[in-house]
N, C-alpha and C. Protein backbone atom coordinates (compact mmCIF):
# COMPACT_ATOMS: atom_id res chain seq x y z
N MET A 1 62.12 -17.67 68.30
CA MET A 1 61.67 -16.63 69.19
C MET A 1 60.23 -16.29 68.83
N THR A 2 59.42 -16.06 69.83
CA THR A 2 58.02 -15.77 69.58
C THR A 2 57.77 -14.28 69.56
N THR A 3 56.86 -13.87 68.71
CA THR A 3 56.47 -12.47 68.65
C THR A 3 55.32 -12.26 69.63
N ALA A 4 54.95 -11.00 69.82
CA ALA A 4 53.87 -10.69 70.74
C ALA A 4 52.55 -11.30 70.25
N ASN A 5 52.36 -11.30 68.93
CA ASN A 5 51.14 -11.87 68.37
C ASN A 5 51.07 -13.38 68.62
N GLN A 6 52.21 -14.06 68.41
CA GLN A 6 52.24 -15.51 68.67
C GLN A 6 52.02 -15.81 70.14
N ARG A 7 52.62 -14.99 70.99
CA ARG A 7 52.45 -15.19 72.44
C ARG A 7 51.00 -15.05 72.84
N ASP A 8 50.31 -14.07 72.29
CA ASP A 8 48.90 -13.88 72.60
C ASP A 8 48.06 -15.06 72.11
N ARG A 9 48.40 -15.57 70.92
CA ARG A 9 47.67 -16.72 70.39
C ARG A 9 47.90 -17.96 71.24
N ILE A 10 49.14 -18.17 71.69
CA ILE A 10 49.47 -19.31 72.55
C ILE A 10 48.73 -19.19 73.87
N LEU A 11 48.73 -17.99 74.45
CA LEU A 11 48.04 -17.75 75.71
C LEU A 11 46.55 -18.07 75.60
N LYS A 12 45.94 -17.61 74.51
CA LYS A 12 44.51 -17.86 74.31
C LYS A 12 44.24 -19.36 74.14
N LYS A 13 45.10 -20.05 73.38
CA LYS A 13 44.92 -21.48 73.15
C LYS A 13 45.13 -22.26 74.44
N ALA A 14 46.14 -21.87 75.24
CA ALA A 14 46.39 -22.54 76.52
C ALA A 14 45.19 -22.37 77.45
N TYR A 15 44.58 -21.20 77.43
CA TYR A 15 43.39 -20.95 78.24
C TYR A 15 42.23 -21.85 77.79
N GLU A 16 42.07 -21.99 76.46
CA GLU A 16 41.01 -22.85 75.93
C GLU A 16 41.23 -24.31 76.36
N ILE A 17 42.49 -24.75 76.32
CA ILE A 17 42.81 -26.11 76.73
C ILE A 17 42.51 -26.29 78.22
N TRP A 18 42.90 -25.30 79.02
CA TRP A 18 42.65 -25.34 80.47
C TRP A 18 41.16 -25.45 80.75
N GLU A 19 40.37 -24.66 80.03
CA GLU A 19 38.92 -24.71 80.23
C GLU A 19 38.35 -26.06 79.78
N SER A 20 38.81 -26.58 78.67
CA SER A 20 38.27 -27.84 78.15
C SER A 20 38.60 -29.02 79.05
N GLU A 21 39.66 -28.91 79.86
CA GLU A 21 40.03 -29.99 80.77
C GLU A 21 39.47 -29.80 82.18
N GLY A 22 38.53 -28.90 82.33
CA GLY A 22 37.85 -28.75 83.62
C GLY A 22 38.47 -27.76 84.57
N ARG A 23 39.30 -26.87 84.09
CA ARG A 23 39.91 -25.80 84.89
C ARG A 23 40.70 -26.30 86.10
N GLN A 24 41.45 -27.37 85.90
CA GLN A 24 42.28 -27.90 86.98
C GLN A 24 43.56 -27.09 87.09
N GLY A 25 43.97 -26.82 88.29
CA GLY A 25 45.18 -26.04 88.51
C GLY A 25 46.42 -26.92 88.51
N GLY A 26 47.59 -26.27 88.38
CA GLY A 26 48.85 -26.97 88.48
C GLY A 26 49.37 -27.56 87.17
N ARG A 27 48.65 -27.37 86.08
CA ARG A 27 49.08 -27.95 84.80
C ARG A 27 49.28 -26.84 83.76
N ASP A 28 49.57 -25.64 84.25
CA ASP A 28 49.69 -24.50 83.34
C ASP A 28 50.82 -24.67 82.31
N MET A 29 51.96 -25.21 82.74
CA MET A 29 53.07 -25.38 81.82
C MET A 29 52.73 -26.42 80.75
N GLU A 30 52.08 -27.48 81.15
CA GLU A 30 51.66 -28.51 80.20
C GLU A 30 50.70 -27.93 79.15
N HIS A 31 49.75 -27.11 79.62
CA HIS A 31 48.80 -26.48 78.70
C HIS A 31 49.51 -25.50 77.76
N TRP A 32 50.49 -24.77 78.29
CA TRP A 32 51.23 -23.81 77.48
C TRP A 32 52.00 -24.53 76.37
N LEU A 33 52.71 -25.61 76.73
CA LEU A 33 53.49 -26.34 75.74
C LEU A 33 52.61 -26.99 74.67
N GLN A 34 51.47 -27.50 75.11
CA GLN A 34 50.53 -28.09 74.15
C GLN A 34 50.01 -27.01 73.20
N ALA A 35 49.73 -25.84 73.72
CA ALA A 35 49.25 -24.73 72.89
C ALA A 35 50.34 -24.28 71.92
N GLU A 36 51.60 -24.24 72.37
CA GLU A 36 52.71 -23.88 71.49
C GLU A 36 52.81 -24.83 70.30
N LEU A 37 52.66 -26.12 70.58
CA LEU A 37 52.71 -27.10 69.50
C LEU A 37 51.57 -26.88 68.51
N LEU A 38 50.37 -26.67 69.03
CA LEU A 38 49.22 -26.48 68.15
C LEU A 38 49.35 -25.21 67.32
N ILE A 39 49.78 -24.12 67.93
CA ILE A 39 49.94 -22.86 67.21
C ILE A 39 51.08 -22.98 66.20
N GLY A 40 52.15 -23.67 66.57
CA GLY A 40 53.27 -23.87 65.66
C GLY A 40 52.85 -24.61 64.40
N HIS A 41 52.00 -25.62 64.55
CA HIS A 41 51.53 -26.38 63.39
C HIS A 41 50.60 -25.54 62.52
N GLU A 42 49.86 -24.64 63.12
CA GLU A 42 48.95 -23.79 62.36
C GLU A 42 49.72 -22.77 61.53
N SER A 43 50.83 -22.26 62.07
CA SER A 43 51.55 -21.17 61.41
C SER A 43 52.47 -21.64 60.30
N LYS A 44 52.78 -22.94 60.23
CA LYS A 44 53.65 -23.44 59.18
C LYS A 44 52.89 -23.47 57.86
N PRO A 45 53.53 -22.99 56.78
CA PRO A 45 52.86 -23.01 55.49
C PRO A 45 52.74 -24.44 54.96
N ALA A 46 51.69 -24.68 54.20
CA ALA A 46 51.48 -26.00 53.63
C ALA A 46 52.52 -26.25 52.55
N ARG A 47 52.96 -27.48 52.42
CA ARG A 47 53.95 -27.83 51.42
C ARG A 47 53.30 -27.85 50.04
N LYS A 48 54.03 -27.36 49.08
CA LYS A 48 53.55 -27.38 47.71
C LYS A 48 53.71 -28.79 47.15
N PRO A 49 52.75 -29.25 46.37
CA PRO A 49 52.91 -30.59 45.78
C PRO A 49 54.00 -30.57 44.73
N ARG A 50 54.67 -31.69 44.58
CA ARG A 50 55.73 -31.80 43.60
C ARG A 50 55.15 -31.80 42.20
N LYS A 51 55.89 -31.22 41.29
CA LYS A 51 55.49 -31.26 39.90
C LYS A 51 55.95 -32.59 39.33
N THR A 52 55.06 -33.25 38.61
CA THR A 52 55.40 -34.53 38.03
C THR A 52 55.47 -34.40 36.52
N ALA A 53 56.27 -35.23 35.92
CA ALA A 53 56.41 -35.22 34.47
C ALA A 53 55.18 -35.87 33.85
N GLY A 54 54.94 -35.59 32.59
CA GLY A 54 53.79 -36.14 31.89
C GLY A 54 53.85 -37.65 31.77
N LYS A 55 55.05 -38.19 31.53
CA LYS A 55 55.21 -39.64 31.39
C LYS A 55 55.59 -40.24 32.73
N ALA A 56 55.13 -41.46 32.92
CA ALA A 56 55.49 -42.16 34.15
C ALA A 56 56.93 -42.63 34.05
N LYS A 57 57.68 -42.46 35.09
CA LYS A 57 59.07 -42.88 35.10
C LYS A 57 59.16 -44.34 35.53
N ALA A 58 60.19 -45.00 35.05
CA ALA A 58 60.42 -46.39 35.44
C ALA A 58 60.81 -46.44 36.91
N ALA A 59 60.44 -47.52 37.54
CA ALA A 59 60.74 -47.68 38.96
C ALA A 59 62.25 -47.76 39.16
N ALA A 60 62.71 -47.18 40.23
CA ALA A 60 64.14 -47.19 40.53
C ALA A 60 64.58 -48.59 40.94
N LYS A 61 65.82 -48.92 40.59
CA LYS A 61 66.35 -50.22 40.96
C LYS A 61 66.62 -50.24 42.46
N PRO A 62 66.46 -51.39 43.07
CA PRO A 62 66.76 -51.47 44.50
C PRO A 62 68.21 -51.13 44.77
N ARG A 63 68.45 -50.50 45.86
CA ARG A 63 69.79 -50.04 46.21
C ARG A 63 70.76 -51.20 46.38
N ALA A 64 70.32 -52.32 46.89
CA ALA A 64 71.21 -53.45 47.13
C ALA A 64 71.84 -53.94 45.84
N LYS A 65 71.09 -53.93 44.75
CA LYS A 65 71.64 -54.39 43.49
C LYS A 65 72.71 -53.44 42.97
N THR A 66 72.49 -52.15 43.12
CA THR A 66 73.48 -51.20 42.63
C THR A 66 74.76 -51.29 43.44
N ILE A 67 74.66 -51.56 44.70
CA ILE A 67 75.84 -51.72 45.54
C ILE A 67 76.58 -52.99 45.13
N ALA A 68 75.85 -54.07 44.89
CA ALA A 68 76.47 -55.32 44.49
C ALA A 68 77.21 -55.15 43.17
N LYS A 69 76.62 -54.42 42.24
CA LYS A 69 77.28 -54.19 40.96
C LYS A 69 78.57 -53.40 41.16
N ALA A 70 78.53 -52.45 42.02
CA ALA A 70 79.70 -51.61 42.27
C ALA A 70 80.85 -52.45 42.83
N LYS A 71 80.54 -53.44 43.64
CA LYS A 71 81.57 -54.27 44.25
C LYS A 71 82.17 -55.26 43.25
N THR A 72 81.43 -55.62 42.21
CA THR A 72 81.92 -56.63 41.28
C THR A 72 82.71 -56.04 40.12
N LYS A 73 82.83 -54.74 40.03
CA LYS A 73 83.59 -54.13 38.95
C LYS A 73 85.06 -54.47 39.13
N PRO A 74 85.78 -54.72 38.01
CA PRO A 74 87.20 -55.04 38.14
C PRO A 74 88.00 -53.83 38.61
N VAL A 75 88.99 -54.11 39.37
CA VAL A 75 89.84 -53.06 39.90
C VAL A 75 90.91 -52.73 38.86
N THR A 76 91.10 -51.47 38.60
CA THR A 76 92.12 -51.08 37.63
C THR A 76 93.47 -51.05 38.31
N LYS A 77 94.50 -51.33 37.51
CA LYS A 77 95.85 -51.33 38.05
C LYS A 77 96.30 -49.90 38.26
N PRO A 78 97.06 -49.65 39.32
CA PRO A 78 97.54 -48.29 39.55
C PRO A 78 98.57 -47.92 38.48
N ARG A 79 98.61 -46.69 38.14
CA ARG A 79 99.56 -46.20 37.15
C ARG A 79 100.98 -46.25 37.71
N ALA A 80 101.92 -46.47 36.81
CA ALA A 80 103.32 -46.47 37.21
C ALA A 80 103.74 -45.04 37.52
N LYS A 81 104.61 -44.90 38.48
CA LYS A 81 105.08 -43.57 38.85
C LYS A 81 105.98 -43.02 37.75
N ALA A 82 105.86 -41.77 37.51
CA ALA A 82 106.69 -41.13 36.50
C ALA A 82 108.11 -41.00 37.03
N THR A 83 109.05 -41.34 36.21
CA THR A 83 110.45 -41.23 36.60
C THR A 83 111.06 -40.03 35.88
N PRO A 84 112.02 -39.37 36.51
CA PRO A 84 112.62 -38.22 35.85
C PRO A 84 113.41 -38.67 34.63
N LYS A 85 113.29 -37.91 33.58
CA LYS A 85 114.00 -38.25 32.35
C LYS A 85 115.46 -37.82 32.49
N THR A 86 116.32 -38.70 32.05
CA THR A 86 117.75 -38.37 32.07
C THR A 86 118.24 -38.30 30.64
N LYS A 87 119.09 -37.38 30.39
CA LYS A 87 119.65 -37.23 29.05
C LYS A 87 120.79 -38.22 28.89
N LYS A 88 120.80 -38.81 27.76
CA LYS A 88 121.89 -39.73 27.46
C LYS A 88 123.11 -38.90 27.05
N LYS A 89 124.20 -39.31 27.55
CA LYS A 89 125.45 -38.61 27.19
C LYS A 89 125.90 -39.15 25.84
N THR A 90 126.07 -38.25 24.95
CA THR A 90 126.57 -38.61 23.63
C THR A 90 127.81 -37.79 23.35
N ALA A 91 128.43 -38.08 22.23
CA ALA A 91 129.65 -37.34 21.87
C ALA A 91 129.32 -35.89 21.60
N ALA A 92 128.13 -35.59 21.08
CA ALA A 92 127.73 -34.22 20.78
C ALA A 92 127.28 -33.51 22.06
N ASN A 93 126.86 -34.26 23.03
CA ASN A 93 126.30 -33.70 24.25
C ASN A 93 127.10 -34.20 25.46
N PRO A 94 128.25 -33.62 25.80
CA PRO A 94 129.10 -34.17 26.87
C PRO A 94 128.56 -33.93 28.26
């Protein structure tokens, strides 16, 4: 959503674009949209540069090799299902 200040800035920029193109009529919407894009780019804050470590890091391995390694790992056998323990009937335990 645009604020009144942004709207005024877009209006002024659209007027400047209209004048720079020879004041031709019928292209007001095109000039407005172009001005919105320009004003939008101006209002976005600049990105901060990333902080880098003092030492250079080793280059990352290509993704294809890591995928290939993952596919060649041996498959582990599934665990046996736990069975319920049954008590053995003994003479002491009828």
